C-alpha atoms as a PDB file:
ATOM      1  CA  THR A   1      93.286  79.456  93.129  1.00  0.00           C
ATOM      2  CA  VAL A   2      95.149  81.127  95.971  1.00  0.00           C
ATOM      3  CA  GLU A   3      94.678  84.195  98.166  1.00  0.00           C
ATOM      4  CA  MET A   4      97.700  86.204  99.255  1.00  0.00           C
ATOM      5  CA  SER A   5      95.705  89.054 100.808  1.00  0.00           C
ATOM      6  CA  ARG A   6      92.224  90.204 101.687  1.00  0.00           C
ATOM      7  CA  GLY A   7      90.643  93.564 101.166  1.00  0.00           C
ATOM      8  CA  CYS A   8      91.931  96.630  99.391  1.00  0.00           C
ATOM      9  CA  PRO A   9      93.416  99.813 100.836  1.00  0.00           C
ATOM     10  CA  ASN A  10      91.532 101.893  98.262  1.00  0.00           C
ATOM     11  CA  GLU A  11      87.987 102.915  99.077  1.00  0.00           C
ATOM     12  CA  CYS A  12      86.395 103.347  95.688  1.00  0.00           C
ATOM     13  CA  GLU A  13      82.788 104.467  96.140  1.00  0.00           C
ATOM     14  CA  PHE A  14      81.103 101.599  94.278  1.00  0.00           C
ATOM     15  CA  CYS A  15      83.372  98.690  95.261  1.00  0.00           C
ATOM     16  CA  ILE A  16      82.339  96.154  97.878  1.00  0.00           C
ATOM     17  CA  SER A  17      85.811  94.881  98.727  1.00  0.00           C
ATOM     18  CA  HIS A  18      86.529  97.355 101.515  1.00  0.00           C
ATOM     19  CA  ARG A  19      83.031  96.801 102.926  1.00  0.00           C
ATOM     20  CA  PHE A  20      83.712  93.081 103.421  1.00  0.00           C
ATOM     21  CA  HIS A  21      87.254  93.546 104.699  1.00  0.00           C
ATOM     22  CA  SER A  22      87.764  96.915 106.340  1.00  0.00           C
ATOM     23  CA  ASN A  23      91.507  96.325 106.694  1.00  0.00           C
ATOM     24  CA  TYR A  24      93.952  95.176 104.050  1.00  0.00           C
ATOM     25  CA  ILE A  25      95.688  92.094 105.404  1.00  0.00           C
ATOM     26  CA  CYS A  26      98.381  89.876 103.906  1.00  0.00           C
ATOM     27  CA  ARG A  27      99.212  86.267 104.598  1.00  0.00           C
ATOM     28  CA  ARG A  28     102.731  85.257 105.538  1.00  0.00           C
ATOM     29  CA  ILE A  29     104.785  84.976 102.354  1.00  0.00           C
ATOM     30  CA  GLU A  30     106.151  81.569 103.348  1.00  0.00           C
ATOM     31  CA  ASP A  31     102.608  80.186 103.776  1.00  0.00           C
ATOM     32  CA  VAL A  32     101.468  81.403 100.358  1.00  0.00           C
ATOM     33  CA  ILE A  33     104.620  80.135  98.647  1.00  0.00           C
ATOM     34  CA  ASN A  34     104.124  76.700 100.235  1.00  0.00           C
ATOM     35  CA  GLU A  35     100.523  76.662  99.030  1.00  0.00           C
ATOM     36  CA  VAL A  36     101.573  77.589  95.482  1.00  0.00           C
ATOM     37  CA  LYS A  37     104.300  74.917  95.566  1.00  0.00           C
ATOM     38  CA  SER A  38     101.669  72.309  96.452  1.00  0.00           C
ATOM     39  CA  LEU A  39      99.643  73.062  93.317  1.00  0.00           C
ATOM     40  CA  GLN A  40     100.105  70.700  90.392  1.00  0.00           C
ATOM     41  CA  SER A  41      99.134  73.349  87.855  1.00  0.00           C
ATOM     42  CA  LYS A  42     101.616  75.573  86.030  1.00  0.00           C
ATOM     43  CA  ILE A  43      99.048  78.401  86.255  1.00  0.00           C
ATOM     44  CA  VAL A  44      97.896  80.077  89.480  1.00  0.00           C
ATOM     45  CA  PHE A  45      94.845  82.309  89.833  1.00  0.00           C
ATOM     46  CA  PHE A  46      95.131  84.819  92.670  1.00  0.00           C
ATOM     47  CA  LEU A  47      91.699  85.824  93.969  1.00  0.00           C
ATOM     48  CA  ASP A  48      92.847  88.941  95.835  1.00  0.00           C
ATOM     49  CA  PRO A  49      91.001  92.174  95.015  1.00  0.00           C
ATOM     50  CA  ASN A  50      94.356  93.983  94.915  1.00  0.00           C
ATOM     51  CA  LEU A  51      97.613  92.027  95.068  1.00  0.00           C
ATOM     52  CA  ILE A  52      99.647  95.222  95.431  1.00  0.00           C
ATOM     53  CA  GLY A  53      97.760  96.827  98.321  1.00  0.00           C
ATOM     54  CA  ASP A  54     100.937  96.654 100.397  1.00  0.00           C
ATOM     55  CA  LYS A  55     103.675  97.290  97.850  1.00  0.00           C
ATOM     56  CA  GLU A  56     106.620  96.253 100.037  1.00  0.00           C
ATOM     57  CA  HIS A  57     104.932  92.978 100.968  1.00  0.00           C
ATOM     58  CA  ALA A  58     104.047  92.431  97.295  1.00  0.00           C
ATOM     59  CA  LYS A  59     107.664  92.994  96.214  1.00  0.00           C
ATOM     60  CA  ALA A  60     108.924  90.458  98.749  1.00  0.00           C
ATOM     61  CA  PHE A  61     106.209  88.007  97.708  1.00  0.00           C
ATOM     62  CA  PHE A  62     106.886  88.324  93.958  1.00  0.00           C
ATOM     63  CA  THR A  63     110.617  87.873  94.586  1.00  0.00           C
ATOM     64  CA  GLU A  64     109.895  84.505  96.212  1.00  0.00           C
ATOM     65  CA  LEU A  65     107.203  83.543  93.707  1.00  0.00           C
ATOM     66  CA  ALA A  66     109.644  84.037  90.822  1.00  0.00           C
ATOM     67  CA  LYS A  67     111.650  81.050  92.088  1.00  0.00           C
ATOM     68  CA  LEU A  68     108.721  78.686  91.412  1.00  0.00           C
ATOM     69  CA  ASN A  69     108.555  79.099  87.631  1.00  0.00           C
ATOM     70  CA  LYS A  70     104.746  79.428  87.588  1.00  0.00           C
ATOM     71  CA  TRP A  71     102.490  81.607  85.480  1.00  0.00           C
ATOM     72  CA  TRP A  72      99.798  83.567  87.231  1.00  0.00           C
ATOM     73  CA  VAL A  73      96.946  86.025  86.817  1.00  0.00           C
ATOM     74  CA  GLY A  74      95.353  88.264  89.397  1.00  0.00           C
ATOM     75  CA  CYS A  75      93.941  91.694  90.208  1.00  0.00           C
ATOM     76  CA  ALA A  76      95.803  94.920  90.864  1.00  0.00           C
ATOM     77  CA  SER A  77      95.122  98.613  91.000  1.00  0.00           C
ATOM     78  CA  LEU A  78      96.188 100.854  88.136  1.00  0.00           C
ATOM     79  CA  ASP A  79      99.049 102.368  90.132  1.00  0.00           C
ATOM     80  CA  VAL A  80     101.040  99.183  89.503  1.00  0.00           C
ATOM     81  CA  VAL A  81     102.592 101.048  86.563  1.00  0.00           C
ATOM     82  CA  ASP A  82     103.845 103.817  88.866  1.00  0.00           C
ATOM     83  CA  ASP A  83     106.385 101.498  90.489  1.00  0.00           C
ATOM     84  CA  PRO A  84     108.822 100.099  87.886  1.00  0.00           C
ATOM     85  CA  GLU A  85     110.507  97.822  90.433  1.00  0.00           C
ATOM     86  CA  LEU A  86     107.196  96.279  91.469  1.00  0.00           C
ATOM     87  CA  LEU A  87     106.061  95.837  87.877  1.00  0.00           C
ATOM     88  CA  SER A  88     109.354  94.213  86.907  1.00  0.00           C
ATOM     89  CA  LEU A  89     109.129  91.812  89.856  1.00  0.00           C
ATOM     90  CA  MET A  90     105.569  90.905  88.888  1.00  0.00           C
ATOM     91  CA  ALA A  91     106.604  90.107  85.334  1.00  0.00           C
ATOM     92  CA  LYS A  92     109.631  88.082  86.498  1.00  0.00           C
ATOM     93  CA  SER A  93     107.431  86.165  88.938  1.00  0.00           C
ATOM     94  CA  GLY A  94     105.254  84.904  86.082  1.00  0.00           C
ATOM     95  CA  CYS A  95     102.454  87.460  85.818  1.00  0.00           C
ATOM     96  CA  ARG A  96     100.689  86.888  82.505  1.00  0.00           C
ATOM     97  CA  GLY A  97      97.519  88.871  83.100  1.00  0.00           C
ATOM     98  CA  LEU A  98      95.886  91.398  85.383  1.00  0.00           C
ATOM     99  CA  LEU A  99      92.295  92.375  85.944  1.00  0.00           C
ATOM    100  CA  ILE A 100      92.321  96.120  86.563  1.00  0.00           C
ATOM    101  CA  GLY A 101      89.428  98.426  87.381  1.00  0.00           C
ATOM    102  CA  PHE A 102      89.619 101.280  84.893  1.00  0.00           C
ATOM    103  CA  GLU A 103      85.915 102.021  85.560  1.00  0.00           C
ATOM    104  CA  SER A 104      85.424 105.052  83.311  1.00  0.00           C
ATOM    105  CA  VAL A 105      87.106 107.080  80.589  1.00  0.00           C
ATOM    106  CA  ARG A 106      85.751 110.273  82.161  1.00  0.00           C
ATOM    107  CA  GLN A 107      87.747 112.100  84.822  1.00  0.00           C
ATOM    108  CA  GLU A 108      84.650 113.555  86.517  1.00  0.00           C
ATOM    109  CA  THR A 109      83.299 110.036  86.966  1.00  0.00           C
ATOM    110  CA  LEU A 110      86.559 108.806  88.477  1.00  0.00           C
ATOM    111  CA  GLU A 111      86.546 111.765  90.862  1.00  0.00           C
ATOM    112  CA  SER A 112      82.934 111.188  91.927  1.00  0.00           C
ATOM    113  CA  ALA A 113      83.649 107.481  92.539  1.00  0.00           C
ATOM    114  CA  HIS A 114      86.839 108.230  94.540  1.00  0.00           C
ATOM    115  CA  LYS A 115      88.875 106.184  92.040  1.00  0.00           C
ATOM    116  CA  THR A 116      91.938 108.264  92.918  1.00  0.00           C
ATOM    117  CA  LYS A 117      94.576 105.882  91.495  1.00  0.00           C
ATOM    118  CA  ASN A 118      93.117 106.384  87.997  1.00  0.00           C
ATOM    119  CA  ILE A 119      92.682 110.153  87.951  1.00  0.00           C
ATOM    120  CA  GLY A 120      94.967 111.824  85.434  1.00  0.00           C
ATOM    121  CA  LYS A 121      96.164 108.547  83.906  1.00  0.00           C
ATOM    122  CA  ARG A 122      96.217 108.009  80.156  1.00  0.00           C
ATOM    123  CA  TYR A 123      94.905 104.468  79.905  1.00  0.00           C
ATOM    124  CA  ALA A 124      96.569 103.747  76.567  1.00  0.00           C
ATOM    125  CA  ASP A 125      99.952 104.446  78.200  1.00  0.00           C
ATOM    126  CA  VAL A 126      99.106 102.082  81.059  1.00  0.00           C
ATOM    127  CA  ILE A 127      98.240  99.322  78.577  1.00  0.00           C
ATOM    128  CA  ASP A 128     101.458  99.908  76.632  1.00  0.00           C
ATOM    129  CA  ILE A 129     103.543  99.657  79.812  1.00  0.00           C
ATOM    130  CA  LEU A 130     101.857  96.429  80.879  1.00  0.00           C
ATOM    131  CA  HIS A 131     102.158  94.940  77.389  1.00  0.00           C
ATOM    132  CA  ASP A 132     105.870  95.854  77.352  1.00  0.00           C
ATOM    133  CA  HIS A 133     106.173  93.585  80.425  1.00  0.00           C
ATOM    134  CA  GLY A 134     104.271  90.742  78.748  1.00  0.00           C
ATOM    135  CA  ILE A 135     101.156  91.289  80.845  1.00  0.00           C
ATOM    136  CA  LEU A 136      97.684  91.108  79.281  1.00  0.00           C
ATOM    137  CA  VAL A 137      94.923  93.298  80.669  1.00  0.00           C
ATOM    138  CA  GLN A 138      91.313  92.546  81.464  1.00  0.00           C
ATOM    139  CA  ALA A 139      89.944  96.057  81.821  1.00  0.00           C
ATOM    140  CA  CYS A 140      86.829  96.591  83.907  1.00  0.00           C
ATOM    141  CA  PHE A 141      84.497  99.440  83.023  1.00  0.00           C
ATOM    142  CA  VAL A 142      81.298 100.459  84.794  1.00  0.00           C
ATOM    143  CA  PHE A 143      78.372 102.321  83.256  1.00  0.00           C
ATOM    144  CA  GLY A 144      75.602 103.980  85.208  1.00  0.00           C
ATOM    145  CA  PHE A 145      77.434 106.458  87.385  1.00  0.00           C
ATOM    146  CA  ASP A 146      75.541 109.665  88.197  1.00  0.00           C
ATOM    147  CA  THR A 147      77.926 111.543  85.905  1.00  0.00           C
ATOM    148  CA  ASP A 148      77.124 109.287  82.908  1.00  0.00           C
ATOM    149  CA  ASP A 149      74.750 110.095  80.095  1.00  0.00           C
ATOM    150  CA  THR A 150      74.093 108.092  76.921  1.00  0.00           C
ATOM    151  CA  SER A 151      77.136 109.547  75.161  1.00  0.00           C
ATOM    152  CA  VAL A 152      79.422 107.591  77.510  1.00  0.00           C
ATOM    153  CA  PHE A 153      78.785 104.323  75.647  1.00  0.00           C
ATOM    154  CA  GLU A 154      80.174 105.420  72.299  1.00  0.00           C
ATOM    155  CA  GLU A 155      82.972 107.406  73.942  1.00  0.00           C
ATOM    156  CA  ALA A 156      84.077 104.400  75.991  1.00  0.00           C
ATOM    157  CA  ALA A 157      83.748 101.947  73.086  1.00  0.00           C
ATOM    158  CA  GLU A 158      85.980 104.088  70.880  1.00  0.00           C
ATOM    159  CA  TYR A 159      88.534 104.512  73.655  1.00  0.00           C
ATOM    160  CA  ILE A 160      88.580 100.793  74.475  1.00  0.00           C
ATOM    161  CA  VAL A 161      89.278  99.868  70.845  1.00  0.00           C
ATOM    162  CA  ASN A 162      91.960 102.520  70.350  1.00  0.00           C
ATOM    163  CA  ALA A 163      93.761 101.802  73.628  1.00  0.00           C
ATOM    164  CA  LYS A 164      94.088  98.095  72.724  1.00  0.00           C
ATOM    165  CA  PHE A 165      92.706  96.585  75.922  1.00  0.00           C
ATOM    166  CA  ASP A 166      93.006  92.818  75.687  1.00  0.00           C
ATOM    167  CA  LEU A 167      89.660  91.976  77.264  1.00  0.00           C
ATOM    168  CA  PRO A 168      87.164  94.656  78.251  1.00  0.00           C
ATOM    169  CA  GLN A 169      84.662  93.767  80.931  1.00  0.00           C
ATOM    170  CA  ILE A 170      81.579  95.957  81.045  1.00  0.00           C
ATOM    171  CA  SER A 171      79.344  96.205  84.124  1.00  0.00           C
ATOM    172  CA  ILE A 172      76.327  98.287  84.934  1.00  0.00           C
END
């Protein structure tokens, strides 16, 4: 396991990441690359809450990481698909899977939780884009928002199956 950054620039209502680290900070690329080089494993697990919180830093990091011929998994925000260059660099650098907070299939819930990166996105399209880059998706969903009622369970289950998420993670 490795950390490239701490915190997250997004301030989603329910998330604790920005409460622990009020600023998004990145390690020096050279330091992280040296740490990854020292690992005997072919696979690296990045523990960062959001590897792409600083997109320019992430692009420079993934460019260097690609030279190491490693596979990796980590966490990123949904807006990773909005930057084709960044997504391509991630795939070339060995990204094989991302944990992404989708949180809810309901727009009013996303709005109430300040999950701004997800508002207006069609999740099935996001999954297709990531799959086209060879990236599997662990999709996090949360139930129990103030906007939820019991109908959210069946609605979300149907959406999760139809959108072809690789691994749904459900939290309350």
